[in-house]
Amino acid sequence: VVVGDYISGNTRRLVQVAEDQRVTCFHVETASELPLDRLRNCSRVGLTAGASTPRDIVDEVCEVLAGLNPAGGEGA
């Protein structure tokens, strides 16, 4: 999951790097945009954000992702 503004060059580059590695990538600006039904099927989820993405937005996305794995263990 890449969090950041859709027009941010830095954030778009993070998406491009993931896609170049053939990694499924979801670019969202906020936690409400997360495709939870698709993410629930993932065994692991990584999170990164553009340099100018506000910390509170990243924290909110992280909280939602952690909630996908109630045990809070590996793969969250």
Protein backbone atom coordinates (compact mmCIF):
# COMPACT_ATOMS: atom_id res chain seq x y z
CA VAL A 1 0.00 0.00 0.00
CA VAL A 2 1.37 3.39 -1.00
CA VAL A 3 -0.22 6.37 0.75
CA GLY A 4 0.01 9.82 -0.75
CA ASP A 5 -1.40 12.41 -3.07
CA TYR A 6 -2.25 11.13 -6.55
CA ILE A 7 -0.37 14.02 -8.13
CA SER A 8 2.75 13.69 -5.97
CA GLY A 9 5.75 12.75 -8.08
CA ASN A 10 7.42 11.08 -5.10
CA THR A 11 4.38 8.95 -4.32
CA ARG A 12 3.85 8.00 -7.96
CA ARG A 13 7.49 6.89 -8.09
CA LEU A 14 6.94 4.59 -5.09
CA VAL A 15 4.01 3.01 -6.94
CA GLN A 16 6.14 2.62 -10.06
CA VAL A 17 8.93 0.89 -8.12
CA ALA A 18 6.45 -1.60 -6.65
CA GLU A 19 4.87 -2.27 -10.01
CA ASP A 20 8.29 -2.68 -11.66
CA GLN A 21 8.93 -5.46 -9.13
CA ARG A 22 5.59 -7.07 -10.08
CA VAL A 23 4.19 -6.43 -6.62
CA THR A 24 0.47 -5.82 -6.33
CA CYS A 25 0.19 -2.20 -5.31
CA PHE A 26 -2.68 -0.09 -4.05
CA HIS A 27 -2.20 3.70 -4.15
CA VAL A 28 -4.55 5.50 -1.77
CA GLU A 29 -4.80 9.01 -0.40
CA THR A 30 -6.75 8.06 2.72
CA ALA A 31 -7.67 4.97 4.75
CA SER A 32 -11.23 5.12 3.43
CA GLU A 33 -9.90 4.25 -0.04
CA LEU A 34 -8.27 0.99 1.06
CA PRO A 35 -9.65 -2.02 -0.87
CA LEU A 36 -10.23 -4.03 2.31
CA ASP A 37 -11.86 -6.99 0.57
CA ARG A 38 -8.76 -7.45 -1.58
CA LEU A 39 -6.30 -6.79 1.24
CA ARG A 40 -7.91 -9.42 3.47
CA ASN A 41 -6.78 -12.04 0.95
CA CYS A 42 -3.13 -10.99 1.20
CA SER A 43 -0.74 -12.97 3.37
CA ARG A 44 1.46 -9.89 3.80
CA VAL A 45 0.89 -6.19 3.35
CA GLY A 46 3.60 -3.56 3.18
CA LEU A 47 3.03 0.12 3.80
CA THR A 48 4.96 3.12 2.53
CA ALA A 49 4.10 6.75 1.99
CA GLY A 50 5.19 9.74 -0.01
CA ALA A 51 7.51 12.16 1.76
CA SER A 52 4.85 14.86 2.11
CA THR A 53 2.05 12.57 3.29
CA PRO A 54 0.82 13.79 6.70
CA ARG A 55 1.73 11.46 9.55
CA ASP A 56 -1.84 11.26 10.83
CA ILE A 57 -3.02 9.85 7.49
CA VAL A 58 -0.24 7.24 7.49
CA ASP A 59 -1.10 6.32 11.10
CA GLU A 60 -4.78 5.91 10.22
CA VAL A 61 -3.96 3.64 7.26
CA CYS A 62 -1.63 1.63 9.48
CA GLU A 63 -4.39 1.19 12.10
CA VAL A 64 -6.85 -0.05 9.50
CA LEU A 65 -4.31 -2.48 8.07
CA ALA A 66 -3.44 -3.79 11.53
CA GLY A 67 -7.14 -4.44 12.08
CA LEU A 68 -7.14 -6.88 9.18
CA ASN A 69 -5.10 -9.26 11.34
CA PRO A 70 -6.66 -9.28 14.81
CA ALA A 71 -3.66 -11.14 16.26
CA GLY A 72 -1.46 -8.25 15.17
CA GLY A 73 1.23 -10.71 14.14
CA GLU A 74 3.26 -11.19 11.02
CA GLY A 75 1.35 -10.58 7.86
CA ALA A 76 -0.49 -7.55 9.19
